[in-house]
Amino acid sequence: MSNNVVLRFEDVVFEYTVNKPLLDEASFAVREGSKITLMGQNGAGKSTMFGLIRGDLKTKEGKVHIGDGVSIGSAMQTVDRNDFELTVEDYFKRAYEEVPRNVDVAINQAMDAVNLVVKKDLKVGFLSGGQQARLLLAYALLQHPDILLLDEPTNNLDQEGIEHLISFLVMYDKTVIVISHDADFLNCFTEGVLYLDINTRKVEKYNGDYYTVVEEISKRIEREKKKNAQLEKRIQDRKEKASKFAFKGGKMRKLAKKMKDETVEMEENKVEVRREDKIIYPFVIPNQDIVGDIVKIDSVKVIRNHEPKDKKVEIVMRQNTRLLISGPNGIGKSTLLRNLVDHTAEGTVIKEDTVLGYYSQDFSTLNYDDTVFDSLENACALGVDTQEMRRVAAGFLITGNLMGRTIAELSEGQKGLLSFARLVVMQPGLLVLDEPTNHINFRHIPIIAKALNEYKGALILISHMPDFVEKIRMDEYLDLGKLK
């Protein structure tokens, strides 16, 4: 690693709302060739920092310094819906101000680097979530950036895709800054952490691999708590003695004044303990009570070489039945769920009047122009009043200050938590979940897994996170990749 600094934040202040800074005098430096993780609670401003680095956003105060001649490439979290009609080739060509003659060679190399195997005349909207994740990374690599910014790059990737990405990042000889909630993935290549504290709105820098840094932060918090407890005990002792001596004359009164001055100094020496990320509250998803078969699946479409083929299956789901759908990226998992939800899946029947709760990996169920309040209100089942709706939302860290915002203004993590809050107030008889841990802080995941495990309706799940799936009892398994 070089000692050259390629990126530096100097007392950066940034705000979307006047007098409510998201960053407050944030300062740090990143050296050439570093592999850095950007950590912070959902909504703390991690993606905003990427926007500042790219130059898409401007600071209110302070400066973002980029080294001379340093180029920046960025892989976003999701493909913009407006780009779904572009072909893969046209999407890649947008990476250039002037398309070079050898663009086909460059595109092929970028696709090979991320193991993206699709036809270049295919529309982006037809790609699976995992293929879109690879597309985003390949797009960033086309620019041969000196600083590569990756925002949740493992979302939608199968295990093979994640391992391929890790190998690539370990060998990549330039600077990489990653936002991710996948702790195991981060620990494979991270050399340092930038922690964005949502409470102080400053950035703390730590050296070491991911797990070492997380442990260091925990120990630091304990030291700060212990120091403050000791100071508080001494402060209380001084206050009691000062009060006692203040009513006596002469030297004792002077001593009381001295003690009061000491307590003021000790109060100032107390450190602000960094509060841990807030955790969502334990929750229950109430279910619609349904008697008999809720879902019957007689056939599914499996996509190989971009051609769908019908495969016979026999799956019947009733209350408290759970189905895990698996298979490699591009095999048709998400397409199956979308068609099922739209009631267009041939060979699938859903019981009439079933309330269906759908968590889409691309948040297609959310209207980005809606306010958070309206989105929740529109999802509420009969009998769920505004007070109960707000209580549920607060449990997912969606408090009053977010209710008036549009969904487009939320971070991806906040959109994920909003989606779960909608499922709770919806009270569905059938839950259909497509990669529900994408964008979600890893601290929330055990709580979500417990709620799903206790859900009494029918549940269909796609997830590439083994640790998450292991916490949920499954009855039926459908591996699309193994269907003959």
Protein backbone atom coordinates (compact mmCIF):
# COMPACT_ATOMS: atom_id res chain seq x y z
CA MET A 1 0.00 0.00 0.00
CA SER A 2 1.26 3.47 -0.92
CA ASN A 3 1.47 6.37 1.54
CA ASN A 4 -0.20 8.65 -1.01
CA VAL A 5 -3.53 10.04 0.22
CA VAL A 6 -6.13 9.68 -2.56
CA LEU A 7 -9.13 10.92 -0.59
CA ARG A 8 -9.52 13.33 2.32
CA PHE A 9 -12.53 14.83 4.09
CA GLU A 10 -11.66 18.11 5.82
CA ASP A 11 -14.22 19.31 8.41
CA VAL A 12 -17.10 18.42 6.11
CA VAL A 13 -20.59 19.60 7.06
CA PHE A 14 -23.51 18.35 4.99
CA GLU A 15 -27.26 18.65 5.48
CA TYR A 16 -30.44 17.95 3.52
CA THR A 17 -32.56 19.92 6.00
CA VAL A 18 -31.47 23.33 7.28
CA ASN A 19 -29.75 23.19 10.69
CA LYS A 20 -29.97 19.39 10.79
CA PRO A 21 -26.53 18.23 9.59
CA LEU A 22 -26.04 14.64 8.51
CA LEU A 23 -22.26 15.16 8.75
CA ASP A 24 -20.74 17.62 11.21
CA GLU A 25 -17.05 18.48 10.77
CA ALA A 26 -16.26 14.99 9.47
CA SER A 27 -12.55 14.48 8.82
CA PHE A 28 -10.52 11.46 7.68
CA ALA A 29 -7.99 10.40 5.04
CA VAL A 30 -7.76 7.28 2.83
CA ARG A 31 -4.47 6.11 1.36
CA GLU A 32 -3.86 4.59 -2.05
CA GLY A 33 -4.58 0.86 -2.24
CA SER A 34 -6.62 0.75 1.01
CA LYS A 35 -9.52 -1.66 1.44
CA ILE A 36 -11.95 0.24 3.67
CA THR A 37 -15.40 -0.54 5.10
CA LEU A 38 -17.83 2.34 5.69
CA MET A 39 -20.00 1.48 8.70
CA GLY A 40 -22.98 3.20 10.30
CA GLN A 41 -26.61 2.76 11.25
CA ASN A 42 -29.32 2.80 8.56
CA GLY A 43 -29.90 6.44 7.66
CA ALA A 44 -26.61 7.65 9.14
CA GLY A 45 -25.46 8.94 5.75
CA LYS A 46 -23.21 6.25 4.28
CA SER A 47 -24.62 6.51 0.76
CA THR A 48 -24.57 10.30 1.14
CA MET A 49 -20.82 10.12 1.75
CA PHE A 50 -20.46 8.20 -1.52
CA GLY A 51 -22.42 10.99 -3.20
CA LEU A 52 -19.99 13.55 -1.80
CA ILE A 53 -16.98 11.52 -2.98
CA ARG A 54 -18.43 11.20 -6.49
CA GLY A 55 -19.21 14.92 -6.56
CA ASP A 56 -22.96 14.34 -6.95
CA LEU A 57 -23.51 16.27 -3.70
CA LYS A 58 -21.86 19.44 -2.43
CA THR A 59 -20.71 20.18 1.12
CA LYS A 60 -22.22 23.00 3.15
CA GLU A 61 -18.86 23.58 4.84
CA GLY A 62 -15.44 21.98 4.61
CA LYS A 63 -13.93 20.23 1.61
CA VAL A 64 -13.67 16.80 -0.01
CA HIS A 65 -10.18 16.49 -1.51
CA ILE A 66 -9.59 13.98 -4.32
CA GLY A 67 -5.99 13.35 -5.39
CA ASP A 68 -4.80 14.81 -8.69
CA GLY A 69 -5.82 12.61 -11.60
CA VAL A 70 -7.63 10.15 -9.30
CA SER A 71 -10.66 8.56 -11.00
CA ILE A 72 -13.73 7.25 -9.17
CA GLY A 73 -15.95 4.34 -10.14
CA SER A 74 -19.13 3.50 -8.27
CA ALA A 75 -21.38 0.44 -8.15
CA MET A 76 -24.77 1.54 -6.86
CA GLN A 77 -27.06 -0.60 -4.69
CA THR A 78 -29.71 -1.07 -7.35
CA VAL A 79 -30.28 -0.45 -11.04
CA ASP A 80 -32.41 2.63 -11.67
CA ARG A 81 -35.86 1.55 -12.85
CA ASN A 82 -35.60 4.07 -15.69
CA ASP A 83 -32.75 1.97 -17.12
CA PHE A 84 -34.71 -1.30 -17.32
CA GLU A 85 -35.50 -0.80 -21.02
CA LEU A 86 -31.82 -0.38 -21.98
CA THR A 87 -29.92 -3.34 -23.38
CA VAL A 88 -26.92 -4.57 -21.39
CA GLU A 89 -24.61 -3.17 -24.07
CA ASP A 90 -26.26 0.26 -24.08
CA TYR A 91 -26.18 0.35 -20.29
CA PHE A 92 -22.41 -0.23 -20.31
CA LYS A 93 -21.81 2.37 -23.00
CA ARG A 94 -23.21 5.00 -20.65
CA ALA A 95 -20.03 4.60 -18.59
CA TYR A 96 -18.17 6.62 -21.26
CA GLU A 97 -18.38 10.25 -22.23
CA GLU A 98 -17.04 9.15 -25.61
CA VAL A 99 -17.50 5.48 -26.50
CA PRO A 100 -14.11 3.97 -27.54
CA ARG A 101 -13.65 1.81 -30.62
CA ASN A 102 -12.69 -1.23 -28.57
CA VAL A 103 -15.76 -0.95 -26.32
CA ASP A 104 -16.78 -4.59 -26.97
CA VAL A 105 -13.43 -5.82 -25.67
CA ALA A 106 -13.69 -3.63 -22.56
CA ILE A 107 -17.26 -4.77 -21.87
CA ASN A 108 -16.31 -8.44 -22.24
CA GLN A 109 -13.37 -8.02 -19.85
CA ALA A 110 -15.57 -6.29 -17.24
CA MET A 111 -18.25 -8.98 -17.54
CA ASP A 112 -15.63 -11.73 -17.22
CA ALA A 113 -14.20 -10.06 -14.10
CA VAL A 114 -17.54 -10.31 -12.28
CA ASN A 115 -18.66 -13.59 -13.89
CA LEU A 116 -21.65 -12.01 -15.65
CA VAL A 117 -22.79 -14.38 -18.40
CA VAL A 118 -25.72 -12.84 -20.30
CA LYS A 119 -26.46 -11.76 -23.87
CA LYS A 120 -25.55 -8.11 -24.42
CA ASP A 121 -28.74 -7.43 -26.39
CA LEU A 122 -30.87 -8.51 -23.40
CA LYS A 123 -32.81 -5.74 -21.63
CA VAL A 124 -31.54 -4.86 -18.17
CA GLY A 125 -35.03 -5.29 -16.69
CA PHE A 126 -34.99 -8.98 -17.66
CA LEU A 127 -31.88 -9.71 -15.58
CA SER A 128 -32.22 -11.41 -12.22
CA GLY A 129 -31.31 -9.56 -9.04
CA GLY A 130 -27.95 -11.35 -8.89
CA GLN A 131 -27.22 -10.55 -12.53
CA GLN A 132 -28.09 -6.91 -11.94
CA ALA A 133 -25.68 -6.85 -8.99
CA ARG A 134 -22.91 -8.12 -11.26
CA LEU A 135 -23.93 -5.60 -13.94
CA LEU A 136 -23.51 -2.72 -11.49
CA LEU A 137 -20.03 -3.87 -10.49
CA ALA A 138 -18.94 -4.44 -14.08
CA TYR A 139 -20.17 -0.93 -14.94
CA ALA A 140 -17.90 0.52 -12.26
CA LEU A 141 -14.91 -1.55 -13.44
CA LEU A 142 -15.29 -0.30 -17.02
CA GLN A 143 -13.98 3.04 -15.81
CA HIS A 144 -10.75 1.48 -14.39
CA PRO A 145 -11.18 3.62 -11.27
CA ASP A 146 -8.46 4.52 -8.79
CA ILE A 147 -11.16 4.54 -6.09
CA LEU A 148 -13.88 1.89 -6.35
CA LEU A 149 -17.05 2.59 -4.33
CA LEU A 150 -19.27 -0.43 -3.66
CA ASP A 151 -22.69 0.00 -2.03
CA GLU A 152 -24.03 -3.33 -0.72
CA PRO A 153 -22.32 -5.36 -3.49
CA THR A 154 -23.35 -8.80 -2.15
CA ASN A 155 -27.08 -8.07 -2.29
CA ASN A 156 -28.78 -10.68 -4.52
CA LEU A 157 -25.52 -12.56 -5.16
CA ASP A 158 -25.50 -16.33 -4.65
CA GLN A 159 -22.60 -17.91 -2.73
CA GLU A 160 -20.62 -18.48 -5.91
CA GLY A 161 -21.02 -14.83 -6.82
CA ILE A 162 -19.93 -13.66 -3.37
CA GLU A 163 -16.82 -15.87 -3.45
CA HIS A 164 -15.96 -14.58 -6.93
CA LEU A 165 -16.34 -10.97 -5.71
CA ILE A 166 -14.12 -11.59 -2.67
CA SER A 167 -11.38 -13.06 -4.86
CA PHE A 168 -11.60 -10.07 -7.17
CA LEU A 169 -11.41 -7.50 -4.35
CA VAL A 170 -8.47 -9.23 -2.66
CA MET A 171 -6.50 -9.04 -5.92
CA TYR A 172 -7.66 -5.53 -6.90
CA ASP A 173 -4.62 -3.29 -6.45
CA LYS A 174 -6.45 0.03 -6.14
CA THR A 175 -8.49 1.68 -3.39
CA VAL A 176 -11.84 0.13 -2.47
CA ILE A 177 -14.45 1.56 -0.10
CA VAL A 178 -17.38 -0.73 0.67
CA ILE A 179 -20.75 -0.29 2.34
CA SER A 180 -22.12 -3.67 3.39
CA HIS A 181 -24.03 -5.37 6.21
CA ASP A 182 -22.48 -8.76 5.40
CA ALA A 183 -19.97 -9.15 8.23
CA ASP A 184 -18.32 -12.35 6.94
CA PHE A 185 -17.86 -10.84 3.49
CA LEU A 186 -16.29 -7.68 4.90
CA ASN A 187 -13.89 -9.56 7.15
CA CYS A 188 -12.36 -11.34 4.14
CA PHE A 189 -10.64 -8.24 2.77
CA THR A 190 -11.19 -5.18 5.01
CA GLU A 191 -8.06 -3.46 6.32
CA GLY A 192 -9.78 -0.58 8.08
CA VAL A 193 -13.15 0.89 9.02
CA LEU A 194 -14.65 4.35 8.75
CA TYR A 195 -17.48 4.51 11.28
CA LEU A 196 -20.15 7.15 10.70
CA ASP A 197 -21.74 7.87 14.09
CA ILE A 198 -25.41 8.80 13.64
CA ASN A 199 -25.41 10.56 17.04
CA THR A 200 -22.30 12.76 16.83
CA ARG A 201 -22.46 12.94 12.98
CA LYS A 202 -18.68 12.56 12.84
CA VAL A 203 -16.46 9.88 11.27
CA GLU A 204 -14.17 7.67 13.34
CA LYS A 205 -11.32 5.75 11.69
CA TYR A 206 -10.05 2.34 12.82
CA ASN A 207 -7.32 0.04 11.48
CA GLY A 208 -7.62 -3.75 11.30
CA ASP A 209 -9.98 -6.35 9.87
CA TYR A 210 -13.70 -5.99 10.36
CA TYR A 211 -14.20 -8.26 13.38
CA THR A 212 -11.16 -6.81 15.15
CA VAL A 213 -12.51 -3.29 14.69
CA VAL A 214 -16.00 -4.22 15.92
CA GLU A 215 -14.42 -5.74 19.05
CA GLU A 216 -12.22 -2.65 19.51
CA ILE A 217 -15.26 -0.38 19.32
CA SER A 218 -17.08 -2.49 21.93
CA LYS A 219 -14.10 -2.36 24.30
CA ARG A 220 -13.79 1.39 23.81
CA ILE A 221 -17.45 1.86 24.77
CA GLU A 222 -16.92 -0.16 27.95
CA ARG A 223 -13.84 1.91 28.85
CA GLU A 224 -15.79 5.14 28.30
CA LYS A 225 -18.69 3.92 30.42
CA LYS A 226 -16.31 2.88 33.21
CA LYS A 227 -14.46 6.22 33.13
CA ASN A 228 -17.72 8.16 33.26
CA ALA A 229 -19.01 6.03 36.16
CA GLN A 230 -15.84 6.76 38.14
CA LEU A 231 -16.07 10.48 37.40
CA GLU A 232 -19.75 10.54 38.31
CA LYS A 233 -18.99 8.96 41.68
CA ARG A 234 -16.28 11.57 42.39
CA ILE A 235 -18.56 14.39 41.18
CA GLN A 236 -21.35 13.30 43.51
CA ASP A 237 -18.90 13.05 46.42
CA ARG A 238 -17.56 16.58 45.73
CA LYS A 239 -21.08 18.01 45.45
CA GLU A 240 -22.14 16.54 48.80
CA LYS A 241 -19.04 17.86 50.55
CA ALA A 242 -19.29 21.28 48.87
CA SER A 243 -22.92 21.60 50.04
CA LYS A 244 -21.90 20.67 53.56
CA PHE A 245 -18.93 23.09 53.72
CA ALA A 246 -20.79 25.99 52.05
CA PHE A 247 -22.74 26.71 55.25
CA LYS A 248 -19.58 26.99 57.32
CA GLY A 249 -17.43 30.09 57.48
CA GLY A 250 -13.85 31.04 56.62
CA LYS A 251 -11.61 28.46 54.99
CA MET A 252 -14.39 25.85 54.77
CA ARG A 253 -16.47 28.14 52.50
CA LYS A 254 -13.41 28.67 50.25
CA LEU A 255 -12.92 24.91 50.15
CA ALA A 256 -16.57 24.48 49.13
CA LYS A 257 -16.07 26.91 46.23
CA LYS A 258 -12.95 25.03 45.15
CA MET A 259 -14.87 21.74 45.18
CA LYS A 260 -17.67 23.25 43.06
CA ASP A 261 -15.08 24.39 40.52
CA GLU A 262 -13.61 20.86 40.50
CA THR A 263 -17.02 19.29 39.82
CA VAL A 264 -17.49 21.61 36.82
CA GLU A 265 -14.09 20.54 35.46
CA MET A 266 -14.88 16.84 36.01
CA GLU A 267 -18.25 17.24 34.23
CA GLU A 268 -16.36 18.67 31.26
CA ASN A 269 -13.95 15.70 31.33
CA LYS A 270 -16.74 13.17 30.97
CA VAL A 271 -16.56 11.63 27.52
CA GLU A 272 -19.51 11.23 25.19
CA VAL A 273 -19.98 7.49 25.00
CA ARG A 274 -20.67 6.35 21.44
CA ARG A 275 -24.11 4.86 21.53
CA GLU A 276 -24.55 1.54 19.78
CA ASP A 277 -26.68 1.28 16.67
CA LYS A 278 -30.34 1.18 17.61
CA ILE A 279 -31.91 -2.23 17.22
CA ILE A 280 -35.44 -2.81 15.97
CA TYR A 281 -37.87 -4.11 18.56
CA PRO A 282 -38.94 -7.78 18.56
CA PHE A 283 -42.12 -8.02 16.49
CA VAL A 284 -44.89 -10.39 15.45
CA ILE A 285 -46.48 -10.57 12.00
CA PRO A 286 -50.17 -11.33 12.61
CA ASN A 287 -51.64 -13.69 10.05
CA GLN A 288 -54.96 -13.91 8.27
CA ASP A 289 -56.71 -17.07 9.43
CA ILE A 290 -57.24 -19.34 6.40
CA VAL A 291 -58.65 -22.87 6.37
CA GLY A 292 -57.46 -25.32 3.71
CA ASP A 293 -54.96 -25.00 0.88
CA ILE A 294 -53.49 -21.50 0.50
CA VAL A 295 -51.13 -22.17 -2.43
CA LYS A 296 -50.87 -25.05 -4.91
CA ILE A 297 -47.91 -25.20 -7.29
CA ASP A 298 -48.03 -27.85 -10.04
CA SER A 299 -45.34 -26.44 -12.35
CA VAL A 300 -42.66 -23.74 -12.45
CA LYS A 301 -40.59 -22.11 -15.19
CA VAL A 302 -36.83 -22.64 -15.04
CA ILE A 303 -34.65 -20.28 -17.09
CA ARG A 304 -31.56 -21.75 -18.76
CA ASN A 305 -29.68 -19.92 -21.51
CA HIS A 306 -32.39 -17.24 -21.22
CA GLU A 307 -35.06 -19.75 -22.31
CA PRO A 308 -37.87 -20.62 -19.85
CA LYS A 309 -38.88 -24.26 -19.60
CA ASP A 310 -41.79 -25.73 -17.63
CA LYS A 311 -40.95 -28.21 -14.88
CA LYS A 312 -43.46 -30.32 -12.96
CA VAL A 313 -43.58 -30.01 -9.16
CA GLU A 314 -46.07 -30.92 -6.42
CA ILE A 315 -46.26 -28.35 -3.65
CA VAL A 316 -49.29 -27.64 -1.43
CA MET A 317 -49.08 -24.92 1.24
CA ARG A 318 -51.43 -24.40 4.15
CA GLN A 319 -51.19 -22.32 7.31
CA ASN A 320 -47.80 -22.60 9.03
CA THR A 321 -46.18 -24.14 5.91
CA ARG A 322 -42.83 -22.73 4.77
CA LEU A 323 -41.15 -23.11 1.38
CA LEU A 324 -37.53 -22.22 0.56
CA ILE A 325 -36.79 -21.57 -3.12
CA SER A 326 -33.13 -21.81 -4.13
CA GLY A 327 -30.92 -22.04 -7.20
CA PRO A 328 -28.17 -20.05 -8.94
CA ASN A 329 -28.55 -16.44 -10.10
CA GLY A 330 -30.58 -16.18 -13.31
CA ILE A 331 -32.46 -19.48 -12.90
CA GLY A 332 -35.83 -17.69 -12.44
CA LYS A 333 -36.41 -17.49 -8.67
CA SER A 334 -37.48 -13.84 -8.48
CA THR A 335 -39.45 -14.17 -11.72
CA LEU A 336 -41.40 -17.04 -10.16
CA LEU A 337 -42.27 -14.93 -7.11
CA ARG A 338 -43.24 -11.88 -9.17
CA ASN A 339 -45.55 -13.98 -11.35
CA LEU A 340 -47.00 -15.68 -8.29
CA VAL A 341 -47.76 -12.32 -6.67
CA ASP A 342 -49.26 -10.98 -9.91
CA HIS A 343 -51.36 -14.17 -10.26
CA THR A 344 -49.78 -14.77 -13.68
CA ALA A 345 -47.72 -17.85 -12.74
CA GLU A 346 -48.97 -20.79 -14.81
CA GLY A 347 -49.41 -23.91 -12.72
CA THR A 348 -49.92 -21.93 -9.51
CA VAL A 349 -53.21 -21.29 -7.69
CA ILE A 350 -53.60 -19.00 -4.66
CA LYS A 351 -56.79 -19.30 -2.57
CA GLU A 352 -59.23 -16.52 -3.30
CA ASP A 353 -59.28 -13.57 -0.86
CA THR A 354 -55.83 -14.42 0.52
CA VAL A 355 -54.06 -11.30 1.78
CA LEU A 356 -50.63 -11.48 0.21
CA GLY A 357 -47.62 -9.73 1.77
CA TYR A 358 -44.74 -9.35 -0.69
CA TYR A 359 -41.21 -8.19 0.16
CA SER A 360 -39.54 -7.42 -3.17
CA GLN A 361 -35.76 -7.25 -3.36
CA ASP A 362 -36.01 -4.08 -5.49
CA PHE A 363 -38.82 -2.53 -3.39
CA SER A 364 -41.14 -2.56 -6.40
CA THR A 365 -44.11 -2.74 -4.00
CA LEU A 366 -43.31 0.76 -2.73
CA ASN A 367 -44.52 3.90 -4.47
CA TYR A 368 -41.54 6.23 -4.16
CA ASP A 369 -43.78 9.32 -4.42
CA ASP A 370 -45.81 8.30 -1.35
CA THR A 371 -44.98 9.65 2.07
CA VAL A 372 -43.96 7.06 4.64
CA PHE A 373 -47.20 7.74 6.52
CA ASP A 374 -49.37 7.17 3.44
CA SER A 375 -47.46 4.02 2.49
CA LEU A 376 -48.09 2.52 5.92
CA GLU A 377 -51.71 3.69 6.07
CA ASN A 378 -52.44 2.15 2.66
CA ALA A 379 -51.10 -1.21 3.89
CA CYS A 380 -53.12 -1.33 7.11
CA ALA A 381 -55.58 -4.16 7.60
CA LEU A 382 -59.09 -3.44 8.83
CA GLY A 383 -58.97 -2.56 12.52
CA VAL A 384 -55.38 -1.23 12.57
CA ASP A 385 -55.76 2.42 13.60
CA THR A 386 -53.26 5.27 13.27
CA GLN A 387 -52.00 4.90 16.82
CA GLU A 388 -51.24 1.20 16.33
CA MET A 389 -49.64 1.94 12.94
CA ARG A 390 -47.31 4.51 14.50
CA ARG A 391 -46.43 2.10 17.32
CA VAL A 392 -45.47 -0.60 14.79
CA ALA A 393 -43.45 1.89 12.73
CA ALA A 394 -41.53 3.10 15.79
CA GLY A 395 -40.50 -0.49 16.48
CA PHE A 396 -38.76 -0.46 13.09
CA LEU A 397 -37.03 2.87 13.91
CA ILE A 398 -39.49 4.74 11.68
CA THR A 399 -40.30 7.64 13.98
CA GLY A 400 -42.23 10.88 13.56
CA ASN A 401 -39.44 12.73 11.75
CA LEU A 402 -39.60 10.19 8.90
CA MET A 403 -43.39 10.00 8.52
CA GLY A 404 -43.67 13.07 6.30
CA ARG A 405 -40.79 12.15 4.01
CA THR A 406 -41.31 10.50 0.65
CA ILE A 407 -40.07 6.96 0.26
CA ALA A 408 -37.60 8.22 -2.37
CA GLU A 409 -35.85 10.17 0.42
CA LEU A 410 -35.24 7.07 2.57
CA SER A 411 -32.02 5.08 2.59
CA GLU A 412 -32.21 1.54 1.20
CA GLY A 413 -32.03 0.18 4.74
CA GLN A 414 -34.94 2.36 5.83
CA LYS A 415 -36.97 1.18 2.84
CA GLY A 416 -36.33 -2.39 3.99
CA LEU A 417 -37.52 -1.66 7.53
CA LEU A 418 -40.57 0.18 6.15
CA SER A 419 -41.39 -2.91 4.07
CA PHE A 420 -41.38 -5.07 7.21
CA ALA A 421 -43.55 -2.54 9.08
CA ARG A 422 -46.04 -2.72 6.19
CA LEU A 423 -46.15 -6.53 6.46
CA VAL A 424 -46.98 -6.29 10.18
CA VAL A 425 -49.91 -3.88 9.73
CA MET A 426 -51.08 -5.80 6.63
CA GLN A 427 -51.65 -9.06 8.56
CA PRO A 428 -51.19 -11.33 5.51
CA GLY A 429 -52.22 -14.96 5.09
CA LEU A 430 -49.32 -15.56 2.68
CA LEU A 431 -45.84 -14.04 3.01
CA VAL A 432 -43.65 -13.96 -0.11
CA LEU A 433 -40.13 -12.76 0.68
CA ASP A 434 -37.44 -12.16 -1.95
CA GLU A 435 -34.04 -11.56 -0.30
CA PRO A 436 -35.49 -9.81 2.77
CA THR A 437 -32.08 -9.25 4.39
CA ASN A 438 -30.80 -7.04 1.56
CA HIS A 439 -29.84 -3.58 2.87
CA ILE A 440 -30.71 -4.58 6.44
CA ASN A 441 -28.26 -3.90 9.29
CA PHE A 442 -26.89 -7.26 10.46
CA ARG A 443 -27.91 -6.41 14.05
CA HIS A 444 -31.58 -6.55 13.00
CA ILE A 445 -31.38 -9.88 11.19
CA PRO A 446 -31.78 -12.27 14.19
CA ILE A 447 -34.91 -10.35 15.25
CA ILE A 448 -36.39 -10.61 11.74
CA ALA A 449 -35.55 -14.33 11.54
CA LYS A 450 -37.31 -14.96 14.88
CA ALA A 451 -40.45 -13.14 13.70
CA LEU A 452 -40.55 -15.13 10.47
CA ASN A 453 -39.98 -18.39 12.34
CA GLU A 454 -42.99 -17.61 14.55
CA TYR A 455 -45.26 -16.48 11.70
CA LYS A 456 -48.34 -18.75 11.51
CA GLY A 457 -49.38 -18.17 7.90
CA ALA A 458 -47.87 -19.65 4.73
CA LEU A 459 -44.39 -18.41 3.88
CA ILE A 460 -42.31 -18.54 0.68
CA LEU A 461 -38.70 -17.41 0.96
CA ILE A 462 -35.71 -16.72 -1.28
CA SER A 463 -32.48 -15.93 0.54
CA HIS A 464 -28.78 -16.36 -0.16
CA MET A 465 -27.87 -15.86 3.51
CA PRO A 466 -27.40 -19.36 5.07
CA ASP A 467 -27.11 -18.06 8.66
CA PHE A 468 -30.48 -16.35 8.26
CA VAL A 469 -32.22 -19.32 6.67
CA GLU A 470 -30.95 -21.70 9.38
CA LYS A 471 -32.91 -19.73 11.99
CA ILE A 472 -36.23 -20.35 10.20
CA ARG A 473 -37.98 -23.73 10.20
CA MET A 474 -38.60 -24.92 6.65
CA ASP A 475 -41.02 -27.65 5.50
CA GLU A 476 -40.61 -27.62 1.72
CA TYR A 477 -37.54 -27.05 -0.46
CA LEU A 478 -37.56 -26.19 -4.15
CA ASP A 479 -34.13 -25.98 -5.83
CA LEU A 480 -34.80 -24.75 -9.36
CA GLY A 481 -31.28 -25.62 -10.40
CA LYS A 482 -31.84 -29.33 -9.70
CA LEU A 483 -35.17 -29.80 -11.47
CA LYS A 484 -34.88 -32.27 -14.34
